[in-house]
Amino acid sequence: MKIIAPLFCLIFGMAALAFAGEKGPIVPSPKDKCPVCGMFVKKYPDWTSQIIFKDGSYAVFDGAKDMFKYFLRFQEFNPTHAPADIDSLYVMEYYSMHPIDGREAYYVVGSDVYGPMGRELIPFAMDEEAREFMKDHKGRAVLKFDEVTADTLKGLD
């Protein structure tokens, strides 16, 4: 028994560490507003994007475009946090309507599909689906998270 208890604690502790660091997506409340445009996010569940911080606070957006505006001008929108404080980032996958990791998503730019704020970055979990959507909806490009720039966003406003 003296060996089993420490062994159990070690295994349980390692399992807990394996799941630490990725906070799951939140469900926006009716009072949550996009910090970029001021729209109430709950009205647009199919477009919701979110940044969740390590301290449990979060920012929710009415689309990936506003999430990127916030992320690329971080100090302007959130001077109390830094990008290093981000625990997780989610966007709503276009076809499944389920939240996916925004840093792993593929974004179609310039399509004929509009979000709550007009032209939008359309997120996909798989590159093949993004490219097929781009062909079907007159998109200009498929970009990964790190390829989206301020210039990309200028063409959407």
Foldseek 3Di string as FASTA:
>chain_A
DVVVVVVVVVVVVVVVVVPPLADDDDQFDQPAAALQPGHRQNVQLLAKKKWAFPVGDIGIDNHVLSVVVCLQPVCVRPVPDDPVRTRFIWTQANPVRDTDGLQQWKWFFDFQDATPVGGHTHTHNDPVVSVVRCVVGVTDDIDGPVVDDPVSSVVGD
